[in-house]
Amino acid sequence: MAGRSSRQAPKVAVLMGGLSAEREVSLSSGRGCARALREAGYEVVEVDAGRDLAARLAEIRPDVCFNALHGRWGEDGAVQGLLEWMGVRYTHSGVLASALAMDKARSKEIFRAEGLPVVDSVVAPTVEVQARHVMAPPYVVKPNNEGSSVGVYIVQESANGPPVLAPDMPAEVMVETYVRGRELTCSVLGDRALCVTEIVTDGWYDYHAKYAPGGSRHVCPADLPEEIAKACQDYALHAHRAIGCRGLSRTDFRWDDTKGLAGLFLLEINTQPGMTPTSLSPEQAAAEGMSFAQLCAWLVEDASCPR
């Protein structure tokens, strides 16, 4: 698309909503980013990304698309491919990195090949997972290609049998060894790792704990031994580079603090982290002196095509 005059405020289309199970989260992220970008001086158009997205963008003619979509289609390379085809600069990761990160099994293969610590897991048919234990409890069952802790089940050692999963679960799911301990996460912005956050909940950090008021508490920076904080930052940066991420990513960990460094495991990487002002990545940026508006503006200035 043709560029705009350098004397005009760049026009930014904030893509939000979309078609995935994480639509409501994306709307919250997108609205927050749109407000911040207007505060930073950009011309902003909010776009609820439906199946007419290509036509909407052709009409709007943005200089940059700020990708605030979460979940499938917006986070898995599909929208990124559309933007590449249209020649529109966009934020966050490109087609391949987005697709790899969204597929937990494939990204885990890359992490393992890179020597990063990951837990054992298998991808199995959902009907089989509900019929028998496909690995010895305790274990976690989750979709292989969704985010935001959508559809996560923990099967404890005391479970009488395999889990009963929701009817909208995909035909195949990931089953992975459950790691007891503390929930940690670390964002990467460009080529540097930000500080580490500990997420404190009464139970598992599931969808409710992430988004319901009072569902979780963030300790940022986390109160950790220096060795563990540094390892999280190193692993997060390594994972970001191994997948080929751009802009902003966030890597999640579990740490069994009774085992030191040997108890730290990388769970997954997120190429479209939550972007409300109180989400994890913006909090980490704020802890290092970057306001939410500055973070959003940084992402816009980092945008490119191809990615």
Protein backbone atom coordinates (compact mmCIF):
# COMPACT_ATOMS: atom_id res chain seq x y z
CA MET A 1 0.00 0.00 0.00
CA ALA A 2 1.16 3.51 -0.74
CA GLY A 3 2.78 5.33 2.16
CA ARG A 4 1.46 8.57 3.66
CA SER A 5 3.18 11.92 3.90
CA SER A 6 5.83 12.09 6.62
CA ARG A 7 4.11 15.26 7.87
CA GLN A 8 0.95 13.35 8.73
CA ALA A 9 0.52 11.20 11.81
CA PRO A 10 0.90 7.61 10.64
CA LYS A 11 -2.42 5.83 10.30
CA VAL A 12 -2.50 2.66 12.42
CA ALA A 13 -5.19 0.02 12.06
CA VAL A 14 -5.48 -1.85 15.37
CA LEU A 15 -6.68 -5.37 14.60
CA MET A 16 -8.75 -6.85 17.43
CA GLY A 17 -11.59 -9.22 18.19
CA GLY A 18 -11.42 -11.79 15.44
CA LEU A 19 -12.86 -15.28 15.25
CA SER A 20 -11.02 -17.27 17.93
CA ALA A 21 -11.97 -18.45 21.41
CA GLU A 22 -9.97 -15.46 22.71
CA ARG A 23 -12.10 -12.82 21.00
CA GLU A 24 -13.09 -10.97 24.20
CA VAL A 25 -9.50 -10.84 25.44
CA SER A 26 -8.40 -9.46 22.08
CA LEU A 27 -11.06 -6.74 22.17
CA SER A 28 -9.76 -5.66 25.57
CA SER A 29 -6.16 -5.66 24.34
CA GLY A 30 -7.03 -3.79 21.15
CA ARG A 31 -9.04 -1.04 22.81
CA GLY A 32 -6.24 -0.44 25.31
CA CYS A 33 -3.62 -0.27 22.55
CA ALA A 34 -5.79 2.06 20.46
CA ARG A 35 -6.11 4.49 23.38
CA ALA A 36 -2.37 4.36 24.02
CA LEU A 37 -1.49 4.95 20.37
CA ARG A 38 -3.81 7.96 20.15
CA GLU A 39 -2.08 9.28 23.27
CA ALA A 40 1.25 8.79 21.49
CA GLY A 41 0.06 10.87 18.54
CA TYR A 42 -0.95 8.29 15.96
CA GLU A 43 -4.08 8.34 13.83
CA VAL A 44 -5.88 5.15 14.87
CA VAL A 45 -8.66 3.09 13.32
CA GLU A 46 -10.04 0.20 15.37
CA VAL A 47 -10.81 -2.86 13.23
CA ASP A 48 -12.79 -5.87 14.42
CA ALA A 49 -11.11 -8.48 12.22
CA GLY A 50 -13.79 -10.52 10.46
CA ARG A 51 -13.77 -12.38 7.17
CA ASP A 52 -14.00 -9.05 5.35
CA LEU A 53 -10.65 -7.93 6.77
CA ALA A 54 -8.91 -7.60 3.38
CA ALA A 55 -11.68 -5.35 2.07
CA ARG A 56 -11.64 -3.24 5.25
CA LEU A 57 -7.89 -2.71 5.03
CA ALA A 58 -8.07 -1.85 1.33
CA GLU A 59 -10.59 0.85 2.25
CA ILE A 60 -8.72 2.16 5.31
CA ARG A 61 -5.24 2.11 3.69
CA PRO A 62 -3.27 2.07 6.95
CA ASP A 63 0.45 2.70 7.18
CA VAL A 64 0.75 -0.01 9.85
CA CYS A 65 -1.44 -2.78 11.26
CA PHE A 66 -1.06 -3.21 15.00
CA ASN A 67 -1.89 -6.86 15.60
CA ALA A 68 -3.82 -7.13 18.88
CA LEU A 69 -5.48 -10.42 17.90
CA HIS A 70 -5.13 -13.51 20.10
CA GLY A 71 -5.66 -17.19 19.32
CA ARG A 72 -6.21 -18.91 16.01
CA TRP A 73 -6.28 -16.92 12.74
CA GLY A 74 -4.78 -13.84 14.40
CA GLU A 75 -1.84 -15.49 16.14
CA ASP A 76 -1.12 -18.55 14.00
CA GLY A 77 0.21 -16.96 10.81
CA ALA A 78 -3.10 -16.63 8.95
CA VAL A 79 -3.60 -12.87 9.35
CA GLN A 80 0.14 -12.38 9.01
CA GLY A 81 -0.02 -14.08 5.59
CA LEU A 82 -2.86 -11.79 4.51
CA LEU A 83 -0.86 -8.71 5.53
CA GLU A 84 2.21 -10.01 3.70
CA TRP A 85 0.07 -10.54 0.58
CA MET A 86 -1.32 -7.01 0.82
CA GLY A 87 2.08 -5.48 1.54
CA VAL A 88 1.03 -3.83 4.81
CA ARG A 89 3.60 -3.29 7.56
CA TYR A 90 2.56 -5.03 10.78
CA THR A 91 3.70 -5.63 14.35
CA HIS A 92 4.82 -8.75 16.21
CA SER A 93 6.00 -11.96 14.55
CA GLY A 94 5.75 -13.07 10.93
CA VAL A 95 4.03 -16.00 9.27
CA LEU A 96 6.41 -18.85 10.10
CA ALA A 97 7.26 -17.83 13.66
CA SER A 98 3.57 -17.26 14.45
CA ALA A 99 2.58 -20.67 13.08
CA LEU A 100 5.39 -22.48 14.91
CA ALA A 101 4.73 -20.78 18.25
CA MET A 102 1.01 -21.49 18.06
CA ASP A 103 1.64 -25.20 17.54
CA LYS A 104 2.86 -26.24 20.99
CA ALA A 105 4.17 -29.63 19.85
CA ARG A 106 6.26 -28.24 16.98
CA SER A 107 7.64 -25.34 19.00
CA LYS A 108 8.55 -27.78 21.76
CA GLU A 109 10.51 -29.87 19.24
CA ILE A 110 12.51 -26.76 18.36
CA PHE A 111 13.14 -25.90 22.01
CA ARG A 112 14.29 -29.45 22.73
CA ALA A 113 16.65 -29.39 19.72
CA GLU A 114 18.06 -26.09 21.03
CA GLY A 115 18.77 -27.63 24.44
CA LEU A 116 16.05 -25.71 26.29
CA PRO A 117 14.37 -27.53 29.22
CA VAL A 118 10.86 -28.73 28.31
CA VAL A 119 8.57 -31.30 29.92
CA ASP A 120 7.59 -34.60 28.32
CA SER A 121 4.40 -34.48 26.27
CA VAL A 122 2.38 -36.27 23.62
CA VAL A 123 -0.32 -35.18 21.17
CA ALA A 124 -3.20 -37.67 21.25
CA PRO A 125 -6.79 -37.97 19.98
CA THR A 126 -9.24 -36.40 22.41
CA VAL A 127 -11.38 -39.55 22.48
CA GLU A 128 -8.34 -41.57 23.56
CA VAL A 129 -7.40 -39.03 26.27
CA GLN A 130 -10.92 -39.35 27.71
CA ALA A 131 -10.83 -43.14 27.54
CA ARG A 132 -7.58 -43.82 29.39
CA HIS A 133 -4.53 -42.20 30.97
CA VAL A 134 -2.16 -41.66 28.03
CA MET A 135 0.60 -40.90 30.56
CA ALA A 136 0.94 -41.46 34.28
CA PRO A 137 -0.71 -38.71 36.39
CA PRO A 138 -0.17 -35.96 37.29
CA TYR A 139 -0.47 -34.41 33.85
CA VAL A 140 -2.00 -31.44 32.02
CA VAL A 141 -4.37 -31.62 29.04
CA LYS A 142 -4.70 -28.60 26.75
CA PRO A 143 -5.36 -27.75 23.10
CA ASN A 144 -2.24 -27.91 20.98
CA ASN A 145 -3.06 -24.68 19.15
CA GLU A 146 -4.89 -22.26 21.43
CA GLY A 147 -3.62 -19.74 23.97
CA SER A 148 -4.77 -17.85 27.08
CA SER A 149 -5.10 -21.14 28.99
CA VAL A 150 -8.26 -21.97 27.05
CA GLY A 151 -9.36 -25.54 27.78
CA VAL A 152 -6.66 -26.52 30.30
CA TYR A 153 -7.27 -29.52 32.57
CA ILE A 154 -5.05 -30.88 35.36
CA VAL A 155 -5.28 -34.58 36.17
CA GLN A 156 -3.89 -35.20 39.65
CA GLU A 157 -2.34 -38.42 40.95
CA SER A 158 -5.50 -39.03 42.98
CA ALA A 159 -7.77 -38.93 39.90
CA ASN A 160 -10.12 -41.90 39.61
CA GLY A 161 -9.87 -41.89 35.84
CA PRO A 162 -9.10 -39.82 32.76
CA PRO A 163 -10.59 -36.33 32.40
CA VAL A 164 -13.98 -35.46 30.97
CA LEU A 165 -13.25 -32.72 28.45
CA ALA A 166 -15.56 -30.01 27.13
CA PRO A 167 -17.36 -30.89 23.88
CA ASP A 168 -15.69 -27.98 22.05
CA MET A 169 -12.18 -29.31 22.60
CA PRO A 170 -10.31 -30.05 19.34
CA ALA A 171 -10.01 -33.57 17.95
CA GLU A 172 -6.41 -33.78 19.18
CA VAL A 173 -4.93 -32.36 22.40
CA MET A 174 -1.56 -32.11 24.08
CA VAL A 175 -0.93 -34.10 27.24
CA GLU A 176 2.16 -33.06 29.18
CA THR A 177 3.77 -33.85 32.50
CA TYR A 178 2.57 -31.57 35.29
CA VAL A 179 5.32 -29.59 37.04
CA ARG A 180 4.55 -28.56 40.60
CA GLY A 181 5.86 -25.20 41.63
CA ARG A 182 5.80 -21.53 40.74
CA GLU A 183 4.46 -19.84 37.59
CA LEU A 184 7.01 -17.52 35.98
CA THR A 185 7.02 -15.56 32.74
CA CYS A 186 9.47 -13.35 30.87
CA SER A 187 8.93 -11.11 27.84
CA VAL A 188 11.39 -10.29 25.09
CA LEU A 189 11.20 -6.91 23.36
CA GLY A 190 13.29 -6.72 20.22
CA ASP A 191 16.62 -8.21 21.19
CA ARG A 192 16.44 -7.98 24.99
CA ALA A 193 14.71 -9.90 27.73
CA LEU A 194 12.67 -7.88 30.22
CA CYS A 195 12.34 -8.68 33.92
CA VAL A 196 10.67 -11.87 35.19
CA THR A 197 7.17 -11.92 36.69
CA GLU A 198 5.80 -14.49 39.13
CA ILE A 199 2.07 -15.18 38.82
CA VAL A 200 0.49 -16.08 42.15
CA THR A 201 -2.88 -17.87 42.16
CA ASP A 202 -4.80 -20.17 44.48
CA GLY A 203 -4.73 -22.89 41.83
CA TRP A 204 -3.77 -23.32 38.16
CA TYR A 205 -3.20 -20.19 36.07
CA ASP A 206 -6.20 -20.87 33.82
CA TYR A 207 -8.41 -18.56 31.76
CA HIS A 208 -10.39 -17.45 34.84
CA ALA A 209 -7.23 -16.74 36.84
CA LYS A 210 -5.81 -14.68 33.96
CA TYR A 211 -8.79 -12.46 33.27
CA ALA A 212 -11.23 -12.45 36.22
CA PRO A 213 -10.79 -9.62 38.75
CA GLY A 214 -8.67 -10.94 41.63
CA GLY A 215 -7.98 -14.20 39.81
CA SER A 216 -4.23 -13.79 40.10
CA ARG A 217 -1.54 -11.50 41.47
CA HIS A 218 1.61 -10.48 39.60
CA VAL A 219 4.93 -10.03 41.41
CA CYS A 220 7.04 -7.92 39.06
CA PRO A 221 9.98 -8.19 39.24
CA ALA A 222 9.70 -11.66 40.77
CA ASP A 223 11.48 -12.39 44.07
CA LEU A 224 13.82 -15.08 42.74
CA PRO A 225 17.39 -16.28 43.15
CA GLU A 226 19.58 -14.46 40.65
CA GLU A 227 20.42 -17.76 38.93
CA ILE A 228 16.75 -18.51 38.23
CA ALA A 229 15.85 -15.00 37.05
CA LYS A 230 18.86 -14.96 34.72
CA ALA A 231 18.01 -18.44 33.39
CA CYS A 232 14.43 -17.35 32.60
CA GLN A 233 15.73 -14.32 30.70
CA ASP A 234 18.31 -16.38 28.82
CA TYR A 235 15.80 -19.12 27.95
CA ALA A 236 13.17 -16.57 26.85
CA LEU A 237 15.61 -14.79 24.53
CA HIS A 238 16.89 -18.12 23.18
CA ALA A 239 13.32 -19.32 22.52
CA HIS A 240 12.40 -16.00 20.84
CA ARG A 241 15.36 -16.31 18.47
CA ALA A 242 14.95 -20.05 17.85
CA ILE A 243 11.34 -19.63 16.71
CA GLY A 244 12.19 -16.50 14.72
CA CYS A 245 9.96 -14.10 16.67
CA ARG A 246 9.89 -10.36 16.01
CA GLY A 247 8.83 -7.42 18.14
CA LEU A 248 7.35 -8.74 21.38
CA SER A 249 7.01 -12.27 22.74
CA ARG A 250 6.44 -13.79 26.17
CA THR A 251 7.72 -17.16 27.38
CA ASP A 252 6.09 -19.02 30.26
CA PHE A 253 7.82 -21.27 32.79
CA ARG A 254 7.14 -23.54 35.75
CA TRP A 255 9.73 -23.73 38.50
CA ASP A 256 9.90 -26.37 41.23
CA ASP A 257 11.89 -24.35 43.76
CA THR A 258 12.90 -27.47 45.68
CA LYS A 259 15.13 -28.53 42.76
CA GLY A 260 17.01 -25.34 41.89
CA LEU A 261 17.84 -24.78 38.24
CA ALA A 262 17.01 -28.41 37.44
CA GLY A 263 13.38 -27.66 38.37
CA LEU A 264 12.91 -24.88 35.78
CA PHE A 265 10.96 -25.80 32.62
CA LEU A 266 9.89 -23.79 29.60
CA LEU A 267 6.20 -24.35 28.84
CA GLU A 268 5.47 -22.30 25.73
CA ILE A 269 6.07 -19.03 23.90
CA ASN A 270 3.39 -16.44 23.06
CA THR A 271 3.86 -14.23 20.01
CA GLN A 272 0.80 -12.06 20.77
CA PRO A 273 0.93 -11.47 24.55
CA GLY A 274 -2.00 -9.76 26.24
CA MET A 275 -1.82 -6.00 25.76
CA THR A 276 -4.03 -4.38 28.35
CA PRO A 277 -2.09 -1.91 30.53
CA THR A 278 -2.11 -4.46 33.38
CA SER A 279 -1.17 -7.47 31.25
CA LEU A 280 2.10 -9.23 31.96
CA SER A 281 4.27 -7.86 29.15
CA PRO A 282 3.25 -4.20 29.65
CA GLU A 283 3.87 -4.59 33.39
CA GLN A 284 7.37 -5.90 32.70
CA ALA A 285 8.07 -3.02 30.31
CA ALA A 286 6.78 -0.55 32.92
CA ALA A 287 9.08 -2.07 35.55
CA GLU A 288 11.98 -1.15 33.26
CA GLY A 289 10.79 2.43 32.69
CA MET A 290 8.68 2.10 29.52
CA SER A 291 5.11 3.39 29.70
CA PHE A 292 2.25 1.55 27.99
CA ALA A 293 2.01 4.26 25.33
CA GLN A 294 5.77 4.03 24.74
CA LEU A 295 5.54 0.24 24.41
CA CYS A 296 2.74 0.45 21.86
CA ALA A 297 4.60 3.15 19.94
CA TRP A 298 7.78 1.04 19.95
CA LEU A 299 5.84 -1.83 18.37
CA VAL A 300 4.44 0.44 15.66
CA GLU A 301 7.89 1.82 14.83
CA ASP A 302 9.27 -1.75 14.74
CA ALA A 303 6.61 -2.86 12.23
CA SER A 304 7.71 -4.06 8.81
CA CYS A 305 6.69 -6.15 5.82
CA PRO A 306 7.90 -8.78 5.21
CA ARG A 307 8.50 -9.97 8.76
